[in-house]
Amino acid sequence: MTPAIRKQALAEFRGYREPRPIRAARPVSDLVGSAMRGLGLGDLVDEGQVAAAWREIVGDFIALHSAPARLTGGTLTIRVLQPSLRFELERQWRGVILEKLKARFGGRVVRKLEFRVG
């Protein structure tokens, strides 16, 4: 009988099992992010990051008159205060804003922009 088998048999006889070795520690942010994605809530994490970086991406004037409303399936819906600004954003700035978002967050997070007045 090998020492490992003898040790296992003795532990079973006594009703005692050796504790498992502790794995290397990981940052809590890694665990929360993976848990959110596992629950299908990964977009919520990304949505918060996009909202936090909105002013930086679009500038002060546009940020004062617009805000990200939600991020669903790669489509970022942006709430705009005035129809004229919506028109300007759709015609002139959509591509620029989308490229900045893709550069910052990757192409999988934001793939499309929708502007809504309200």
PDB file of N, CA and C in Angstrom:
ATOM      1  N   MET A   1       0.847  -1.173   0.000  1.00  0.00           N
ATOM      2  CA  MET A   1       0.000   0.000   0.000  1.00  0.00           C
ATOM      3  C   MET A   1       0.892   1.236   0.000  1.00  0.00           C
ATOM      4  N   THR A   2       0.612   2.142  -0.939  1.00  0.00           N
ATOM      5  CA  THR A   2       1.432   3.350  -1.045  1.00  0.00           C
ATOM      6  C   THR A   2       1.059   4.340   0.053  1.00  0.00           C
ATOM      7  N   PRO A   3       1.956   5.245   0.368  1.00  0.00           N
ATOM      8  CA  PRO A   3       1.658   6.221   1.430  1.00  0.00           C
ATOM      9  C   PRO A   3       0.436   7.093   1.118  1.00  0.00           C
ATOM     10  N   ALA A   4       0.225   7.426  -0.145  1.00  0.00           N
ATOM     11  CA  ALA A   4      -0.923   8.269  -0.502  1.00  0.00           C
ATOM     12  C   ALA A   4      -2.237   7.522  -0.260  1.00  0.00           C
ATOM     13  N   ILE A   5      -2.274   6.244  -0.638  1.00  0.00           N
ATOM     14  CA  ILE A   5      -3.484   5.435  -0.431  1.00  0.00           C
ATOM     15  C   ILE A   5      -3.713   5.220   1.059  1.00  0.00           C
ATOM     16  N   ARG A   6      -2.618   4.957   1.809  1.00  0.00           N
ATOM     17  CA  ARG A   6      -2.722   4.777   3.257  1.00  0.00           C
ATOM     18  C   ARG A   6      -3.268   6.041   3.919  1.00  0.00           C
ATOM     19  N   LYS A   7      -2.798   7.199   3.480  1.00  0.00           N
ATOM     20  CA  LYS A   7      -3.249   8.468   4.034  1.00  0.00           C
ATOM     21  C   LYS A   7      -4.732   8.692   3.722  1.00  0.00           C
ATOM     22  N   GLN A   8      -5.135   8.345   2.506  1.00  0.00           N
ATOM     23  CA  GLN A   8      -6.531   8.503   2.100  1.00  0.00           C
ATOM     24  C   GLN A   8      -7.433   7.556   2.895  1.00  0.00           C
ATOM     25  N   ALA A   9      -6.995   6.315   3.064  1.00  0.00           N
ATOM     26  CA  ALA A   9      -7.798   5.336   3.816  1.00  0.00           C
ATOM     27  C   ALA A   9      -7.947   5.767   5.271  1.00  0.00           C
ATOM     28  N   LEU A  10      -6.878   6.263   5.863  1.00  0.00           N
ATOM     29  CA  LEU A  10      -6.927   6.728   7.245  1.00  0.00           C
ATOM     30  C   LEU A  10      -7.855   7.937   7.381  1.00  0.00           C
ATOM     31  N   ALA A  11      -7.813   8.852   6.406  1.00  0.00           N
ATOM     32  CA  ALA A  11      -8.677  10.027   6.434  1.00  0.00           C
ATOM     33  C   ALA A  11     -10.136   9.620   6.311  1.00  0.00           C
ATOM     34  N   GLU A  12     -10.433   8.617   5.465  1.00  0.00           N
ATOM     35  CA  GLU A  12     -11.804   8.143   5.315  1.00  0.00           C
ATOM     36  C   GLU A  12     -12.276   7.447   6.593  1.00  0.00           C
ATOM     37  N   PHE A  13     -11.405   6.690   7.217  1.00  0.00           N
ATOM     38  CA  PHE A  13     -11.746   6.004   8.454  1.00  0.00           C
ATOM     39  C   PHE A  13     -12.077   7.014   9.564  1.00  0.00           C
ATOM     40  N   ARG A  14     -11.294   8.063   9.656  1.00  0.00           N
ATOM     41  CA  ARG A  14     -11.495   9.087  10.684  1.00  0.00           C
ATOM     42  C   ARG A  14     -12.639  10.043  10.325  1.00  0.00           C
ATOM     43  N   GLY A  15     -13.072  10.052   9.057  1.00  0.00           N
ATOM     44  CA  GLY A  15     -14.107  10.986   8.616  1.00  0.00           C
ATOM     45  C   GLY A  15     -13.560  12.381   8.391  1.00  0.00           C
ATOM     46  N   TYR A  16     -12.282  12.450   8.112  1.00  0.00           N
ATOM     47  CA  TYR A  16     -11.622  13.737   7.922  1.00  0.00           C
ATOM     48  C   TYR A  16     -11.036  13.775   6.520  1.00  0.00           C
ATOM     49  N   ARG A  17     -11.269  14.878   5.864  1.00  0.00           N
ATOM     50  CA  ARG A  17     -10.669  15.048   4.533  1.00  0.00           C
ATOM     51  C   ARG A  17      -9.736  16.247   4.568  1.00  0.00           C
ATOM     52  N   GLU A  18      -8.667  16.114   3.848  1.00  0.00           N
ATOM     53  CA  GLU A  18      -7.701  17.208   3.753  1.00  0.00           C
ATOM     54  C   GLU A  18      -8.350  18.383   3.017  1.00  0.00           C
ATOM     55  N   PRO A  19      -8.136  19.590   3.502  1.00  0.00           N
ATOM     56  CA  PRO A  19      -8.686  20.742   2.787  1.00  0.00           C
ATOM     57  C   PRO A  19      -8.011  20.906   1.422  1.00  0.00           C
ATOM     58  N   ARG A  20      -8.786  21.374   0.486  1.00  0.00           N
ATOM     59  CA  ARG A  20      -8.233  21.602  -0.844  1.00  0.00           C
ATOM     60  C   ARG A  20      -7.263  22.775  -0.805  1.00  0.00           C
ATOM     61  N   PRO A  21      -6.238  22.719  -1.616  1.00  0.00           N
ATOM     62  CA  PRO A  21      -5.318  23.867  -1.654  1.00  0.00           C
ATOM     63  C   PRO A  21      -6.031  25.089  -2.236  1.00  0.00           C
ATOM     64  N   ILE A  22      -5.708  26.247  -1.708  1.00  0.00           N
ATOM     65  CA  ILE A  22      -6.314  27.502  -2.152  1.00  0.00           C
ATOM     66  C   ILE A  22      -5.664  27.929  -3.467  1.00  0.00           C
ATOM     67  N   ARG A  23      -6.516  28.270  -4.424  1.00  0.00           N
ATOM     68  CA  ARG A  23      -6.004  28.737  -5.711  1.00  0.00           C
ATOM     69  C   ARG A  23      -5.472  30.153  -5.569  1.00  0.00           C
ATOM     70  N   ALA A  24      -4.718  30.565  -6.563  1.00  0.00           N
ATOM     71  CA  ALA A  24      -4.157  31.912  -6.544  1.00  0.00           C
ATOM     72  C   ALA A  24      -5.284  32.947  -6.522  1.00  0.00           C
ATOM     73  N   ALA A  25      -5.057  34.012  -5.793  1.00  0.00           N
ATOM     74  CA  ALA A  25      -6.056  35.071  -5.679  1.00  0.00           C
ATOM     75  C   ALA A  25      -6.210  35.816  -7.000  1.00  0.00           C
ATOM     76  N   ARG A  26      -7.457  36.234  -7.275  1.00  0.00           N
ATOM     77  CA  ARG A  26      -7.748  37.018  -8.476  1.00  0.00           C
ATOM     78  C   ARG A  26      -8.434  38.303  -8.049  1.00  0.00           C
ATOM     79  N   PRO A  27      -8.293  39.345  -8.855  1.00  0.00           N
ATOM     80  CA  PRO A  27      -8.987  40.601  -8.504  1.00  0.00           C
ATOM     81  C   PRO A  27     -10.497  40.411  -8.523  1.00  0.00           C
ATOM     82  N   VAL A  28     -11.176  41.068  -7.602  1.00  0.00           N
ATOM     83  CA  VAL A  28     -12.628  40.977  -7.507  1.00  0.00           C
ATOM     84  C   VAL A  28     -13.273  41.475  -8.804  1.00  0.00           C
ATOM     85  N   SER A  29     -12.678  42.480  -9.448  1.00  0.00           N
ATOM     86  CA  SER A  29     -13.255  43.022 -10.680  1.00  0.00           C
ATOM     87  C   SER A  29     -13.342  41.946 -11.765  1.00  0.00           C
ATOM     88  N   ASP A  30     -12.372  41.028 -11.817  1.00  0.00           N
ATOM     89  CA  ASP A  30     -12.432  39.930 -12.780  1.00  0.00           C
ATOM     90  C   ASP A  30     -13.610  39.008 -12.479  1.00  0.00           C
ATOM     91  N   LEU A  31     -13.806  38.727 -11.211  1.00  0.00           N
ATOM     92  CA  LEU A  31     -14.891  37.833 -10.812  1.00  0.00           C
ATOM     93  C   LEU A  31     -16.257  38.459 -11.056  1.00  0.00           C
ATOM     94  N   VAL A  32     -16.404  39.735 -10.733  1.00  0.00           N
ATOM     95  CA  VAL A  32     -17.687  40.408 -10.931  1.00  0.00           C
ATOM     96  C   VAL A  32     -18.010  40.488 -12.414  1.00  0.00           C
ATOM     97  N   GLY A  33     -17.033  40.862 -13.225  1.00  0.00           N
ATOM     98  CA  GLY A  33     -17.253  40.964 -14.667  1.00  0.00           C
ATOM     99  C   GLY A  33     -17.660  39.636 -15.272  1.00  0.00           C
ATOM    100  N   SER A  34     -16.972  38.565 -14.900  1.00  0.00           N
ATOM    101  CA  SER A  34     -17.313  37.250 -15.462  1.00  0.00           C
ATOM    102  C   SER A  34     -18.657  36.760 -14.936  1.00  0.00           C
ATOM    103  N   ALA A  35     -18.972  37.062 -13.673  1.00  0.00           N
ATOM    104  CA  ALA A  35     -20.280  36.668 -13.132  1.00  0.00           C
ATOM    105  C   ALA A  35     -21.404  37.429 -13.830  1.00  0.00           C
ATOM    106  N   MET A  36     -21.205  38.711 -14.083  1.00  0.00           N
ATOM    107  CA  MET A  36     -22.227  39.507 -14.780  1.00  0.00           C
ATOM    108  C   MET A  36     -22.451  38.975 -16.190  1.00  0.00           C
ATOM    109  N   ARG A  37     -21.370  38.669 -16.882  1.00  0.00           N
ATOM    110  CA  ARG A  37     -21.509  38.122 -18.239  1.00  0.00           C
ATOM    111  C   ARG A  37     -22.187  36.759 -18.203  1.00  0.00           C
ATOM    112  N   GLY A  38     -21.884  35.940 -17.196  1.00  0.00           N
ATOM    113  CA  GLY A  38     -22.506  34.630 -17.063  1.00  0.00           C
ATOM    114  C   GLY A  38     -24.006  34.721 -16.818  1.00  0.00           C
ATOM    115  N   LEU A  39     -24.431  35.783 -16.168  1.00  0.00           N
ATOM    116  CA  LEU A  39     -25.855  35.990 -15.914  1.00  0.00           C
ATOM    117  C   LEU A  39     -26.551  36.731 -17.054  1.00  0.00           C
ATOM    118  N   GLY A  40     -25.781  37.059 -18.098  1.00  0.00           N
ATOM    119  CA  GLY A  40     -26.367  37.789 -19.216  1.00  0.00           C
ATOM    120  C   GLY A  40     -26.468  39.280 -18.957  1.00  0.00           C
ATOM    121  N   LEU A  41     -25.710  39.777 -17.991  1.00  0.00           N
ATOM    122  CA  LEU A  41     -25.753  41.188 -17.636  1.00  0.00           C
ATOM    123  C   LEU A  41     -24.477  41.911 -18.038  1.00  0.00           C
ATOM    124  N   GLY A  42     -23.734  41.353 -18.964  1.00  0.00           N
ATOM    125  CA  GLY A  42     -22.472  41.956 -19.381  1.00  0.00           C
ATOM    126  C   GLY A  42     -22.640  43.330 -19.976  1.00  0.00           C
ATOM    127  N   ASP A  43     -23.758  43.570 -20.661  1.00  0.00           N
ATOM    128  CA  ASP A  43     -24.004  44.879 -21.253  1.00  0.00           C
ATOM    129  C   ASP A  43     -24.130  45.964 -20.201  1.00  0.00           C
ATOM    130  N   LEU A  44     -24.600  45.621 -19.011  1.00  0.00           N
ATOM    131  CA  LEU A  44     -24.758  46.620 -17.968  1.00  0.00           C
ATOM    132  C   LEU A  44     -23.409  47.183 -17.539  1.00  0.00           C
ATOM    133  N   VAL A  45     -22.417  46.330 -17.474  1.00  0.00           N
ATOM    134  CA  VAL A  45     -21.078  46.790 -17.129  1.00  0.00           C
ATOM    135  C   VAL A  45     -20.576  47.722 -18.205  1.00  0.00           C
ATOM    136  N   ASP A  46     -20.730  47.318 -19.463  1.00  0.00           N
ATOM    137  CA  ASP A  46     -20.278  48.132 -20.577  1.00  0.00           C
ATOM    138  C   ASP A  46     -21.055  49.441 -20.655  1.00  0.00           C
ATOM    139  N   GLU A  47     -22.347  49.385 -20.377  1.00  0.00           N
ATOM    140  CA  GLU A  47     -23.191  50.582 -20.430  1.00  0.00           C
ATOM    141  C   GLU A  47     -22.699  51.630 -19.434  1.00  0.00           C
ATOM    142  N   GLY A  48     -22.344  51.187 -18.260  1.00  0.00           N
ATOM    143  CA  GLY A  48     -21.820  52.113 -17.261  1.00  0.00           C
ATOM    144  C   GLY A  48     -20.505  52.731 -17.681  1.00  0.00           C
ATOM    145  N   GLN A  49     -19.656  51.952 -18.295  1.00  0.00           N
ATOM    146  CA  GLN A  49     -18.378  52.462 -18.767  1.00  0.00           C
ATOM    147  C   GLN A  49     -18.564  53.472 -19.889  1.00  0.00           C
ATOM    148  N   VAL A  50     -19.503  53.183 -20.807  1.00  0.00           N
ATOM    149  CA  VAL A  50     -19.773  54.107 -21.909  1.00  0.00           C
ATOM    150  C   VAL A  50     -20.330  55.418 -21.366  1.00  0.00           C
ATOM    151  N   ALA A  51     -21.266  55.332 -20.429  1.00  0.00           N
ATOM    152  CA  ALA A  51     -21.853  56.546 -19.845  1.00  0.00           C
ATOM    153  C   ALA A  51     -20.797  57.383 -19.131  1.00  0.00           C
ATOM    154  N   ALA A  52     -19.876  56.732 -18.453  1.00  0.00           N
ATOM    155  CA  ALA A  52     -18.825  57.453 -17.733  1.00  0.00           C
ATOM    156  C   ALA A  52     -17.868  58.160 -18.686  1.00  0.00           C
ATOM    157  N   ALA A  53     -17.656  57.609 -19.863  1.00  0.00           N
ATOM    158  CA  ALA A  53     -16.703  58.174 -20.814  1.00  0.00           C
ATOM    159  C   ALA A  53     -17.369  59.059 -21.874  1.00  0.00           C
ATOM    160  N   TRP A  54     -18.682  59.252 -21.795  1.00  0.00           N
ATOM    161  CA  TRP A  54     -19.421  59.958 -22.847  1.00  0.00           C
ATOM    162  C   TRP A  54     -18.874  61.362 -23.098  1.00  0.00           C
ATOM    163  N   ARG A  55     -18.683  62.163 -22.069  1.00  0.00           N
ATOM    164  CA  ARG A  55     -18.193  63.541 -22.235  1.00  0.00           C
ATOM    165  C   ARG A  55     -16.825  63.562 -22.895  1.00  0.00           C
ATOM    166  N   GLU A  56     -15.991  62.640 -22.515  1.00  0.00           N
ATOM    167  CA  GLU A  56     -14.648  62.548 -23.089  1.00  0.00           C
ATOM    168  C   GLU A  56     -14.695  62.230 -24.586  1.00  0.00           C
ATOM    169  N   ILE A  57     -15.634  61.389 -24.974  1.00  0.00           N
ATOM    170  CA  ILE A  57     -15.722  60.924 -26.359  1.00  0.00           C
ATOM    171  C   ILE A  57     -16.331  61.978 -27.268  1.00  0.00           C
ATOM    172  N   VAL A  58     -17.419  62.640 -26.822  1.00  0.00           N
ATOM    173  CA  VAL A  58     -18.138  63.549 -27.717  1.00  0.00           C
ATOM    174  C   VAL A  58     -17.853  65.019 -27.487  1.00  0.00           C
ATOM    175  N   GLY A  59     -17.247  65.355 -26.378  1.00  0.00           N
ATOM    176  CA  GLY A  59     -16.971  66.765 -26.096  1.00  0.00           C
ATOM    177  C   GLY A  59     -18.045  67.376 -25.200  1.00  0.00           C
ATOM    178  N   ASP A  60     -17.753  68.559 -24.686  1.00  0.00           N
ATOM    179  CA  ASP A  60     -18.621  69.198 -23.698  1.00  0.00           C
ATOM    180  C   ASP A  60     -19.992  69.589 -24.252  1.00  0.00           C
ATOM    181  N   PHE A  61     -20.031  70.229 -25.420  1.00  0.00           N
ATOM    182  CA  PHE A  61     -21.300  70.718 -25.947  1.00  0.00           C
ATOM    183  C   PHE A  61     -22.284  69.580 -26.209  1.00  0.00           C
ATOM    184  N   ILE A  62     -21.831  68.565 -26.911  1.00  0.00           N
ATOM    185  CA  ILE A  62     -22.725  67.440 -27.224  1.00  0.00           C
ATOM    186  C   ILE A  62     -23.111  66.704 -25.938  1.00  0.00           C
ATOM    187  N   ALA A  63     -22.182  66.564 -25.010  1.00  0.00           N
ATOM    188  CA  ALA A  63     -22.476  65.872 -23.752  1.00  0.00           C
ATOM    189  C   ALA A  63     -23.510  66.620 -22.914  1.00  0.00           C
ATOM    190  N   LEU A  64     -23.538  67.958 -23.016  1.00  0.00           N
ATOM    191  CA  LEU A  64     -24.543  68.734 -22.288  1.00  0.00           C
ATOM    192  C   LEU A  64     -25.943  68.519 -22.837  1.00  0.00           C
ATOM    193  N   HIS A  65     -26.041  68.163 -24.107  1.00  0.00           N
ATOM    194  CA  HIS A  65     -27.333  68.047 -24.769  1.00  0.00           C
ATOM    195  C   HIS A  65     -27.713  66.617 -25.135  1.00  0.00           C
ATOM    196  N   SER A  66     -26.929  65.657 -24.691  1.00  0.00           N
ATOM    197  CA  SER A  66     -27.224  64.256 -24.999  1.00  0.00           C
ATOM    198  C   SER A  66     -26.639  63.368 -23.910  1.00  0.00           C
ATOM    199  N   ALA A  67     -27.132  62.129 -23.869  1.00  0.00           N
ATOM    200  CA  ALA A  67     -26.616  61.155 -22.905  1.00  0.00           C
ATOM    201  C   ALA A  67     -26.961  59.747 -23.378  1.00  0.00           C
ATOM    202  N   PRO A  68     -26.068  58.788 -23.144  1.00  0.00           N
ATOM    203  CA  PRO A  68     -26.397  57.399 -23.481  1.00  0.00           C
ATOM    204  C   PRO A  68     -27.562  56.915 -22.614  1.00  0.00           C
ATOM    205  N   ALA A  69     -28.558  56.322 -23.248  1.00  0.00           N
ATOM    206  CA  ALA A  69     -29.722  55.838 -22.506  1.00  0.00           C
ATOM    207  C   ALA A  69     -29.600  54.360 -22.180  1.00  0.00           C
ATOM    208  N   ARG A  70     -29.232  53.549 -23.180  1.00  0.00           N
ATOM    209  CA  ARG A  70     -29.070  52.110 -22.923  1.00  0.00           C
ATOM    210  C   ARG A  70     -28.205  51.497 -24.014  1.00  0.00           C
ATOM    211  N   LEU A  71     -27.645  50.356 -23.678  1.00  0.00           N
ATOM    212  CA  LEU A  71     -26.817  49.583 -24.597  1.00  0.00           C
ATOM    213  C   LEU A  71     -27.388  48.174 -24.638  1.00  0.00           C
ATOM    214  N   THR A  72     -27.948  47.799 -25.783  1.00  0.00           N
ATOM    215  CA  THR A  72     -28.579  46.497 -25.917  1.00  0.00           C
ATOM    216  C   THR A  72     -28.106  45.837 -27.198  1.00  0.00           C
ATOM    217  N   GLY A  73     -27.501  44.686 -27.065  1.00  0.00           N
ATOM    218  CA  GLY A  73     -27.086  43.922 -28.239  1.00  0.00           C
ATOM    219  C   GLY A  73     -26.156  44.674 -29.169  1.00  0.00           C
ATOM    220  N   GLY A  74     -25.300  45.514 -28.637  1.00  0.00           N
ATOM    221  CA  GLY A  74     -24.365  46.263 -29.464  1.00  0.00           C
ATOM    222  C   GLY A  74     -24.918  47.570 -30.000  1.00  0.00           C
ATOM    223  N   THR A  75     -26.185  47.875 -29.722  1.00  0.00           N
ATOM    224  CA  THR A  75     -26.792  49.126 -30.167  1.00  0.00           C
ATOM    225  C   THR A  75     -26.865  50.090 -28.997  1.00  0.00           C
ATOM    226  N   LEU A  76     -26.189  51.214 -29.132  1.00  0.00           N
ATOM    227  CA  LEU A  76     -26.201  52.240 -28.100  1.00  0.00           C
ATOM    228  C   LEU A  76     -27.271  53.264 -28.463  1.00  0.00           C
ATOM    229  N   THR A  77     -28.266  53.395 -27.599  1.00  0.00           N
ATOM    230  CA  THR A  77     -29.320  54.383 -27.792  1.00  0.00           C
ATOM    231  C   THR A  77     -28.929  55.636 -27.029  1.00  0.00           C
ATOM    232  N   ILE A  78     -28.958  56.769 -27.734  1.00  0.00           N
ATOM    233  CA  ILE A  78     -28.536  58.039 -27.153  1.00  0.00           C
ATOM    234  C   ILE A  78     -29.735  58.973 -27.096  1.00  0.00           C
ATOM    235  N   ARG A  79     -30.005  59.507 -25.927  1.00  0.00           N
ATOM    236  CA  ARG A  79     -31.089  60.463 -25.743  1.00  0.00           C
ATOM    237  C   ARG A  79     -30.562  61.853 -26.054  1.00  0.00           C
ATOM    238  N   VAL A  80     -31.251  62.554 -26.966  1.00  0.00           N
ATOM    239  CA  VAL A  80     -30.853  63.884 -27.411  1.00  0.00           C
ATOM    240  C   VAL A  80     -31.977  64.854 -27.062  1.00  0.00           C
ATOM    241  N   LEU A  81     -31.625  66.067 -26.638  1.00  0.00           N
ATOM    242  CA  LEU A  81     -32.634  67.016 -26.176  1.00  0.00           C
ATOM    243  C   LEU A  81     -33.397  67.703 -27.305  1.00  0.00           C
ATOM    244  N   GLN A  82     -32.752  67.931 -28.458  1.00  0.00           N
ATOM    245  CA  GLN A  82     -33.405  68.692 -29.520  1.00  0.00           C
ATOM    246  C   GLN A  82     -33.323  67.964 -30.851  1.00  0.00           C
ATOM    247  N   PRO A  83     -34.395  68.061 -31.657  1.00  0.00           N
ATOM    248  CA  PRO A  83     -34.387  67.410 -32.969  1.00  0.00           C
ATOM    249  C   PRO A  83     -33.271  67.904 -33.888  1.00  0.00           C
ATOM    250  N   SER A  84     -32.933  69.186 -33.794  1.00  0.00           N
ATOM    251  CA  SER A  84     -31.875  69.713 -34.665  1.00  0.00           C
ATOM    252  C   SER A  84     -30.522  69.077 -34.330  1.00  0.00           C
ATOM    253  N   LEU A  85     -30.267  68.841 -33.046  1.00  0.00           N
ATOM    254  CA  LEU A  85     -29.027  68.177 -32.654  1.00  0.00           C
ATOM    255  C   LEU A  85     -29.050  66.721 -33.096  1.00  0.00           C
ATOM    256  N   ARG A  86     -30.191  66.095 -32.986  1.00  0.00           N
ATOM    257  CA  ARG A  86     -30.314  64.710 -33.469  1.00  0.00           C
ATOM    258  C   ARG A  86     -29.964  64.629 -34.950  1.00  0.00           C
ATOM    259  N   PHE A  87     -30.518  65.544 -35.732  1.00  0.00           N
ATOM    260  CA  PHE A  87     -30.239  65.577 -37.164  1.00  0.00           C
ATOM    261  C   PHE A  87     -28.743  65.735 -37.413  1.00  0.00           C
ATOM    262  N   GLU A  88     -28.124  66.665 -36.715  1.00  0.00           N
ATOM    263  CA  GLU A  88     -26.689  66.914 -36.877  1.00  0.00           C
ATOM    264  C   GLU A  88     -25.855  65.689 -36.484  1.00  0.00           C
ATOM    265  N   LEU A  89     -26.212  65.051 -35.381  1.00  0.00           N
ATOM    266  CA  LEU A  89     -25.477  63.870 -34.935  1.00  0.00           C
ATOM    267  C   LEU A  89     -25.634  62.711 -35.920  1.00  0.00           C
ATOM    268  N   GLU A  90     -26.836  62.520 -36.423  1.00  0.00           N
ATOM    269  CA  GLU A  90     -27.059  61.430 -37.380  1.00  0.00           C
ATOM    270  C   GLU A  90     -26.309  61.657 -38.685  1.00  0.00           C
ATOM    271  N   ARG A  91     -26.325  62.882 -39.175  1.00  0.00           N
ATOM    272  CA  ARG A  91     -25.735  63.158 -40.495  1.00  0.00           C
ATOM    273  C   ARG A  91     -24.231  63.378 -40.457  1.00  0.00           C
ATOM    274  N   GLN A  92     -23.747  64.092 -39.444  1.00  0.00           N
ATOM    275  CA  GLN A  92     -22.345  64.502 -39.431  1.00  0.00           C
ATOM    276  C   GLN A  92     -21.455  63.709 -38.475  1.00  0.00           C
ATOM    277  N   TRP A  93     -21.976  63.332 -37.317  1.00  0.00           N
ATOM    278  CA  TRP A  93     -21.113  62.840 -36.246  1.00  0.00           C
ATOM    279  C   TRP A  93     -21.244  61.360 -35.936  1.00  0.00           C
ATOM    280  N   ARG A  94     -22.219  60.681 -36.510  1.00  0.00           N
ATOM    281  CA  ARG A  94     -22.433  59.267 -36.183  1.00  0.00           C
ATOM    282  C   ARG A  94     -21.166  58.437 -36.378  1.00  0.00           C
ATOM    283  N   GLY A  95     -20.544  58.555 -37.529  1.00  0.00           N
ATOM    284  CA  GLY A  95     -19.337  57.770 -37.825  1.00  0.00           C
ATOM    285  C   GLY A  95     -18.178  58.086 -36.908  1.00  0.00           C
ATOM    286  N   VAL A  96     -17.992  59.367 -36.629  1.00  0.00           N
ATOM    287  CA  VAL A  96     -16.882  59.796 -35.758  1.00  0.00           C
ATOM    288  C   VAL A  96     -17.080  59.253 -34.344  1.00  0.00           C
ATOM    289  N   ILE A  97     -18.295  59.405 -33.816  1.00  0.00           N
ATOM    290  CA  ILE A  97     -18.580  58.933 -32.458  1.00  0.00           C
ATOM    291  C   ILE A  97     -18.447  57.412 -32.385  1.00  0.00           C
ATOM    292  N   LEU A  98     -18.967  56.718 -33.390  1.00  0.00           N
ATOM    293  CA  LEU A  98     -18.892  55.261 -33.406  1.00  0.00           C
ATOM    294  C   LEU A  98     -17.442  54.777 -33.452  1.00  0.00           C
ATOM    295  N   GLU A  99     -16.618  55.422 -34.253  1.00  0.00           N
ATOM    296  CA  GLU A  99     -15.202  55.039 -34.315  1.00  0.00           C
ATOM    297  C   GLU A  99     -14.496  55.265 -32.983  1.00  0.00           C
ATOM    298  N   LYS A 100     -14.799  56.375 -32.319  1.00  0.00           N
ATOM    299  CA  LYS A 100     -14.190  56.644 -31.008  1.00  0.00           C
ATOM    300  C   LYS A 100     -14.634  55.604 -29.979  1.00  0.00           C
ATOM    301  N   LEU A 101     -15.918  55.243 -30.016  1.00  0.00           N
ATOM    302  CA  LEU A 101     -16.415  54.220 -29.080  1.00  0.00           C
ATOM    303  C   LEU A 101     -15.764  52.863 -29.347  1.00  0.00           C
ATOM    304  N   LYS A 102     -15.629  52.509 -30.621  1.00  0.00           N
ATOM    305  CA  LYS A 102     -14.982  51.234 -30.964  1.00  0.00           C
ATOM    306  C   LYS A 102     -13.520  51.228 -30.557  1.00  0.00           C
ATOM    307  N   ALA A 103     -12.852  52.353 -30.748  1.00  0.00           N
ATOM    308  CA  ALA A 103     -11.437  52.431 -30.358  1.00  0.00           C
ATOM    309  C   ALA A 103     -11.279  52.304 -28.846  1.00  0.00           C
ATOM    310  N   ARG A 104     -12.213  52.852 -28.115  1.00  0.00           N
ATOM    311  CA  ARG A 104     -12.114  52.833 -26.650  1.00  0.00           C
ATOM    312  C   ARG A 104     -12.578  51.518 -26.033  1.00  0.00           C
ATOM    313  N   PHE A 105     -13.691  50.950 -26.542  1.00  0.00           N
ATOM    314  CA  PHE A 105     -14.298  49.786 -25.910  1.00  0.00           C
ATOM    315  C   PHE A 105     -14.244  48.520 -26.752  1.00  0.00           C
ATOM    316  N   GLY A 106     -13.757  48.602 -27.963  1.00  0.00           N
ATOM    317  CA  GLY A 106     -13.714  47.436 -28.836  1.00  0.00           C
ATOM    318  C   GLY A 106     -14.943  47.381 -29.727  1.00  0.00           C
ATOM    319  N   GLY A 107     -14.806  46.694 -30.834  1.00  0.00           N
ATOM    320  CA  GLY A 107     -15.872  46.630 -31.822  1.00  0.00           C
ATOM    321  C   GLY A 107     -17.071  45.798 -31.416  1.00  0.00           C
ATOM    322  N   ARG A 108     -16.943  44.959 -30.409  1.00  0.00           N
ATOM    323  CA  ARG A 108     -18.057  44.092 -30.004  1.00  0.00           C
ATOM    324  C   ARG A 108     -19.019  44.785 -29.046  1.00  0.00           C
ATOM    325  N   VAL A 109     -18.572  45.792 -28.329  1.00  0.00           N
ATOM    326  CA  VAL A 109     -19.415  46.445 -27.328  1.00  0.00           C
ATOM    327  C   VAL A 109     -20.449  47.341 -28.003  1.00  0.00           C
ATOM    328  N   VAL A 110     -19.994  48.268 -28.835  1.00  0.00           N
ATOM    329  CA  VAL A 110     -20.899  49.184 -29.531  1.00  0.00           C
ATOM    330  C   VAL A 110     -20.699  49.002 -31.030  1.00  0.00           C
ATOM    331  N   ARG A 111     -21.768  48.561 -31.701  1.00  0.00           N
ATOM    332  CA  ARG A 111     -21.701  48.345 -33.153  1.00  0.00           C
ATOM    333  C   ARG A 111     -22.600  49.293 -33.928  1.00  0.00           C
ATOM    334  N   LYS A 112     -23.561  49.915 -33.235  1.00  0.00           N
ATOM    335  CA  LYS A 112     -24.541  50.745 -33.912  1.00  0.00           C
ATOM    336  C   LYS A 112     -25.007  51.842 -32.951  1.00  0.00           C
ATOM    337  N   LEU A 113     -25.315  53.031 -33.506  1.00  0.00           N
ATOM    338  CA  LEU A 113     -25.832  54.137 -32.706  1.00  0.00           C
ATOM    339  C   LEU A 113     -27.249  54.462 -33.150  1.00  0.00           C
ATOM    340  N   GLU A 114     -28.111  54.733 -32.181  1.00  0.00           N
ATOM    341  CA  GLU A 114     -29.464  55.216 -32.442  1.00  0.00           C
ATOM    342  C   GLU A 114     -29.667  56.484 -31.619  1.00  0.00           C
ATOM    343  N   PHE A 115     -30.205  57.511 -32.241  1.00  0.00           N
ATOM    344  CA  PHE A 115     -30.453  58.769 -31.558  1.00  0.00           C
ATOM    345  C   PHE A 115     -31.959  58.938 -31.378  1.00  0.00           C
ATOM    346  N   ARG A 116     -32.377  59.279 -30.164  1.00  0.00           N
ATOM    347  CA  ARG A 116     -33.781  59.488 -29.828  1.00  0.00           C
ATOM    348  C   ARG A 116     -33.951  60.848 -29.168  1.00  0.00           C
ATOM    349  N   VAL A 117     -34.960  61.587 -29.593  1.00  0.00           N
ATOM    350  CA  VAL A 117     -35.250  62.879 -28.960  1.00  0.00           C
ATOM    351  C   VAL A 117     -36.107  62.615 -27.729  1.00  0.00           C
ATOM    352  N   GLY A 118     -35.744  63.284 -26.649  1.00  0.00           N
ATOM    353  CA  GLY A 118     -36.574  63.120 -25.448  1.00  0.00           C
ATOM    354  C   GLY A 118     -35.849  63.228 -24.207  1.00  0.00           C
TER     355      GLY A 118
END
